């Protein structure tokens, strides 16, 4: 489960939080127009990728920084382990 501070950050960016038992995800709100969706994806994807999380964004929403962040390999396991302590 992601840390609450990361979930709160995604909430503050304007993403809608959804959940099921043992699973939490954020989605772009349905009411957003295409430009706002691309801007939101561009802001959120690098934050998540740097934190070592998988980023799943529809190809139509990719902007420059979101595309680069999602394609960047995740940090090595040792770096991820330090983050969870």
N, C-alpha and C. Protein backbone atom coordinates (compact mmCIF):
# COMPACT_ATOMS: atom_id res chain seq x y z
N UNK A 1 0.84 -1.17 0.00
CA UNK A 1 0.00 0.00 0.00
C UNK A 1 0.90 1.25 0.00
N UNK A 2 0.61 2.20 -0.85
CA UNK A 2 1.44 3.42 -0.89
C UNK A 2 1.31 4.20 0.41
N UNK A 3 2.33 4.97 0.74
CA UNK A 3 2.25 5.80 1.95
C UNK A 3 1.17 6.87 1.81
N UNK A 4 0.57 7.22 2.92
CA UNK A 4 -0.53 8.20 2.90
C UNK A 4 -0.08 9.55 2.36
N UNK A 5 1.18 9.95 2.61
CA UNK A 5 1.62 11.25 2.10
C UNK A 5 1.64 11.28 0.57
N UNK A 6 1.97 10.16 -0.07
CA UNK A 6 1.93 10.11 -1.53
C UNK A 6 0.48 10.15 -2.02
N UNK A 7 -0.40 9.42 -1.36
CA UNK A 7 -1.82 9.45 -1.73
C UNK A 7 -2.39 10.86 -1.58
N UNK A 8 -2.01 11.54 -0.50
CA UNK A 8 -2.48 12.91 -0.28
C UNK A 8 -1.94 13.85 -1.35
N UNK A 9 -0.70 13.63 -1.79
CA UNK A 9 -0.13 14.45 -2.86
C UNK A 9 -0.94 14.28 -4.14
N UNK A 10 -1.25 13.04 -4.49
CA UNK A 10 -2.04 12.79 -5.70
C UNK A 10 -3.44 13.39 -5.57
N UNK A 11 -4.01 13.32 -4.37
CA UNK A 11 -5.30 13.97 -4.13
C UNK A 11 -5.18 15.47 -4.38
N UNK A 12 -4.10 16.07 -3.87
CA UNK A 12 -3.92 17.52 -4.00
C UNK A 12 -3.68 17.95 -5.45
N UNK A 13 -3.16 17.04 -6.27
CA UNK A 13 -2.96 17.36 -7.69
C UNK A 13 -4.28 17.37 -8.46
N UNK A 14 -5.33 16.82 -7.85
CA UNK A 14 -6.64 16.81 -8.49
C UNK A 14 -7.08 15.46 -9.00
N UNK A 15 -6.31 14.42 -8.72
CA UNK A 15 -6.71 13.07 -9.14
C UNK A 15 -7.76 12.53 -8.18
N UNK A 16 -8.66 11.71 -8.69
CA UNK A 16 -9.69 11.07 -7.87
C UNK A 16 -9.14 9.76 -7.31
N UNK A 17 -9.26 9.59 -5.98
CA UNK A 17 -8.79 8.37 -5.33
C UNK A 17 -9.89 7.32 -5.37
N UNK A 18 -9.49 6.09 -5.70
CA UNK A 18 -10.40 4.95 -5.72
C UNK A 18 -9.75 3.83 -4.92
N UNK A 19 -10.53 2.90 -4.45
CA UNK A 19 -9.95 1.83 -3.68
C UNK A 19 -10.79 0.58 -3.64
N UNK A 20 -10.12 -0.48 -3.32
CA UNK A 20 -10.71 -1.79 -3.09
C UNK A 20 -9.87 -2.41 -1.97
N UNK A 21 -10.31 -3.51 -1.41
CA UNK A 21 -9.49 -4.12 -0.36
C UNK A 21 -8.06 -4.34 -0.85
N UNK A 22 -7.10 -3.83 -0.12
CA UNK A 22 -5.67 -3.97 -0.41
C UNK A 22 -5.24 -3.34 -1.72
N UNK A 23 -5.98 -2.37 -2.23
CA UNK A 23 -5.60 -1.72 -3.48
C UNK A 23 -6.12 -0.28 -3.48
N UNK A 24 -5.27 0.64 -3.92
CA UNK A 24 -5.64 2.04 -4.05
C UNK A 24 -5.09 2.54 -5.36
N UNK A 25 -5.89 3.33 -6.09
CA UNK A 25 -5.39 3.93 -7.32
C UNK A 25 -6.04 5.30 -7.49
N UNK A 26 -5.41 6.09 -8.33
CA UNK A 26 -5.94 7.41 -8.65
C UNK A 26 -6.23 7.47 -10.14
N UNK A 27 -7.25 8.23 -10.48
CA UNK A 27 -7.62 8.41 -11.88
C UNK A 27 -7.88 9.89 -12.13
N UNK A 28 -7.72 10.28 -13.39
CA UNK A 28 -8.07 11.63 -13.80
C UNK A 28 -9.59 11.76 -13.73
N UNK A 29 -10.11 12.84 -13.15
CA UNK A 29 -11.56 13.01 -13.08
C UNK A 29 -12.20 13.01 -14.48
N UNK A 30 -13.35 12.39 -14.59
CA UNK A 30 -14.05 12.29 -15.87
C UNK A 30 -14.45 13.64 -16.44
N UNK A 31 -14.70 14.62 -15.58
CA UNK A 31 -15.19 15.92 -16.04
C UNK A 31 -14.11 16.82 -16.62
N UNK A 32 -12.85 16.42 -16.54
CA UNK A 32 -11.76 17.26 -17.04
C UNK A 32 -11.72 17.26 -18.56
N UNK A 33 -11.35 18.42 -19.12
CA UNK A 33 -11.16 18.46 -20.57
C UNK A 33 -9.78 17.90 -20.91
N UNK A 34 -9.53 17.70 -22.18
CA UNK A 34 -8.30 17.03 -22.62
C UNK A 34 -7.04 17.79 -22.22
N UNK A 35 -7.04 19.10 -22.33
CA UNK A 35 -5.86 19.88 -21.97
C UNK A 35 -5.57 19.75 -20.49
N UNK A 36 -6.61 19.83 -19.65
CA UNK A 36 -6.42 19.68 -18.21
C UNK A 36 -5.91 18.28 -17.86
N UNK A 37 -6.41 17.26 -18.55
CA UNK A 37 -5.94 15.89 -18.31
C UNK A 37 -4.46 15.75 -18.63
N UNK A 38 -4.04 16.31 -19.76
CA UNK A 38 -2.63 16.22 -20.14
C UNK A 38 -1.75 16.96 -19.15
N UNK A 39 -2.20 18.12 -18.70
CA UNK A 39 -1.44 18.88 -17.71
C UNK A 39 -1.32 18.11 -16.41
N UNK A 40 -2.41 17.53 -15.96
CA UNK A 40 -2.40 16.75 -14.73
C UNK A 40 -1.48 15.53 -14.85
N UNK A 41 -1.56 14.83 -15.96
CA UNK A 41 -0.69 13.67 -16.17
C UNK A 41 0.77 14.09 -16.19
N UNK A 42 1.07 15.23 -16.82
CA UNK A 42 2.44 15.73 -16.87
C UNK A 42 2.96 16.09 -15.48
N UNK A 43 2.10 16.53 -14.59
CA UNK A 43 2.53 16.89 -13.24
C UNK A 43 2.67 15.65 -12.36
N UNK A 44 1.78 14.69 -12.49
CA UNK A 44 1.75 13.53 -11.59
C UNK A 44 2.76 12.45 -11.96
N UNK A 45 2.93 12.16 -13.23
CA UNK A 45 3.77 11.03 -13.65
C UNK A 45 5.22 11.13 -13.16
N UNK A 46 5.88 12.27 -13.29
CA UNK A 46 7.26 12.34 -12.79
C UNK A 46 7.37 12.12 -11.29
N UNK A 47 6.41 12.63 -10.53
CA UNK A 47 6.43 12.43 -9.08
C UNK A 47 6.35 10.95 -8.73
N UNK A 48 5.45 10.25 -9.40
CA UNK A 48 5.28 8.82 -9.14
C UNK A 48 6.49 8.01 -9.59
N UNK A 49 6.98 8.30 -10.76
CA UNK A 49 8.12 7.54 -11.29
C UNK A 49 9.34 7.73 -10.40
N UNK A 50 9.59 8.94 -9.94
CA UNK A 50 10.74 9.19 -9.05
C UNK A 50 10.58 8.45 -7.73
N UNK A 51 9.34 8.26 -7.30
CA UNK A 51 9.08 7.54 -6.05
C UNK A 51 9.14 6.02 -6.24
N UNK A 52 9.32 5.58 -7.50
CA UNK A 52 9.45 4.15 -7.76
C UNK A 52 8.15 3.44 -8.05
N UNK A 53 7.09 4.19 -8.31
CA UNK A 53 5.80 3.57 -8.59
C UNK A 53 5.59 3.39 -10.08
N UNK A 54 4.81 2.38 -10.43
CA UNK A 54 4.46 2.14 -11.83
C UNK A 54 3.45 3.20 -12.25
N UNK A 55 3.63 3.72 -13.44
CA UNK A 55 2.74 4.76 -13.97
C UNK A 55 2.02 4.20 -15.19
N UNK A 56 0.70 4.12 -15.12
CA UNK A 56 -0.11 3.69 -16.25
C UNK A 56 -0.94 4.87 -16.72
N UNK A 57 -0.56 5.42 -17.87
CA UNK A 57 -1.26 6.57 -18.43
C UNK A 57 -1.59 6.24 -19.87
N UNK A 58 -2.83 6.53 -20.25
CA UNK A 58 -3.24 6.33 -21.64
C UNK A 58 -2.29 7.08 -22.56
N UNK A 59 -1.90 6.45 -23.65
CA UNK A 59 -0.94 7.05 -24.59
C UNK A 59 -1.40 8.41 -25.09
N UNK A 60 -2.68 8.64 -25.19
CA UNK A 60 -3.19 9.93 -25.65
C UNK A 60 -2.99 11.06 -24.67
N UNK A 61 -2.68 10.74 -23.42
CA UNK A 61 -2.47 11.77 -22.40
C UNK A 61 -1.02 12.13 -22.21
N UNK A 62 -0.11 11.38 -22.81
CA UNK A 62 1.30 11.64 -22.58
C UNK A 62 1.72 12.99 -23.11
N UNK A 63 2.39 13.74 -22.28
CA UNK A 63 3.08 14.96 -22.69
C UNK A 63 4.56 14.65 -22.61
N UNK A 64 5.38 15.63 -22.77
CA UNK A 64 6.82 15.42 -22.77
C UNK A 64 7.35 14.82 -21.48
N UNK A 65 7.11 15.48 -20.35
CA UNK A 65 7.70 15.00 -19.09
C UNK A 65 7.03 13.72 -18.61
N UNK A 66 5.73 13.56 -18.83
CA UNK A 66 5.04 12.33 -18.41
C UNK A 66 5.57 11.15 -19.19
N UNK A 67 5.79 11.33 -20.47
CA UNK A 67 6.30 10.23 -21.30
C UNK A 67 7.69 9.82 -20.82
N UNK A 68 8.57 10.79 -20.60
CA UNK A 68 9.94 10.48 -20.16
C UNK A 68 9.93 9.81 -18.79
N UNK A 69 9.10 10.29 -17.87
CA UNK A 69 9.06 9.72 -16.52
C UNK A 69 8.54 8.30 -16.54
N UNK A 70 7.54 8.02 -17.34
CA UNK A 70 6.96 6.68 -17.38
C UNK A 70 7.90 5.70 -18.06
N UNK A 71 8.74 6.16 -18.93
CA UNK A 71 9.68 5.28 -19.64
C UNK A 71 11.00 5.09 -18.91
N UNK A 72 11.24 5.93 -17.90
CA UNK A 72 12.48 5.83 -17.12
C UNK A 72 12.42 4.56 -16.28
N UNK A 73 13.50 3.78 -16.22
CA UNK A 73 13.47 2.56 -15.40
C UNK A 73 13.32 2.91 -13.93
N UNK A 74 12.66 2.04 -13.15
CA UNK A 74 12.51 2.31 -11.72
C UNK A 74 13.86 2.26 -11.02
N UNK A 75 13.94 2.89 -9.84
CA UNK A 75 15.21 2.85 -9.11
C UNK A 75 15.54 1.42 -8.70
N UNK A 76 16.83 1.14 -8.45
CA UNK A 76 17.21 -0.22 -8.03
C UNK A 76 16.53 -0.59 -6.72
N UNK A 77 16.35 -1.90 -6.47
CA UNK A 77 15.65 -2.35 -5.25
C UNK A 77 16.21 -1.76 -3.97
N UNK A 78 17.52 -1.58 -3.88
CA UNK A 78 18.11 -1.03 -2.66
C UNK A 78 17.59 0.38 -2.42
N UNK A 79 17.43 1.17 -3.45
CA UNK A 79 16.91 2.53 -3.30
C UNK A 79 15.45 2.49 -2.86
N UNK A 80 14.69 1.55 -3.39
CA UNK A 80 13.28 1.42 -3.00
C UNK A 80 13.17 1.01 -1.54
N UNK A 81 14.04 0.12 -1.09
CA UNK A 81 13.99 -0.34 0.30
C UNK A 81 14.28 0.81 1.26
N UNK A 82 15.21 1.70 0.90
CA UNK A 82 15.52 2.85 1.76
C UNK A 82 14.31 3.76 1.89
N UNK A 83 13.51 3.90 0.84
CA UNK A 83 12.34 4.78 0.87
C UNK A 83 11.26 4.26 1.81
N UNK A 84 11.16 2.96 1.96
CA UNK A 84 10.06 2.39 2.75
C UNK A 84 10.37 2.37 4.23
N UNK A 85 11.56 2.70 4.63
CA UNK A 85 11.90 2.67 6.07
C UNK A 85 11.47 3.91 6.76
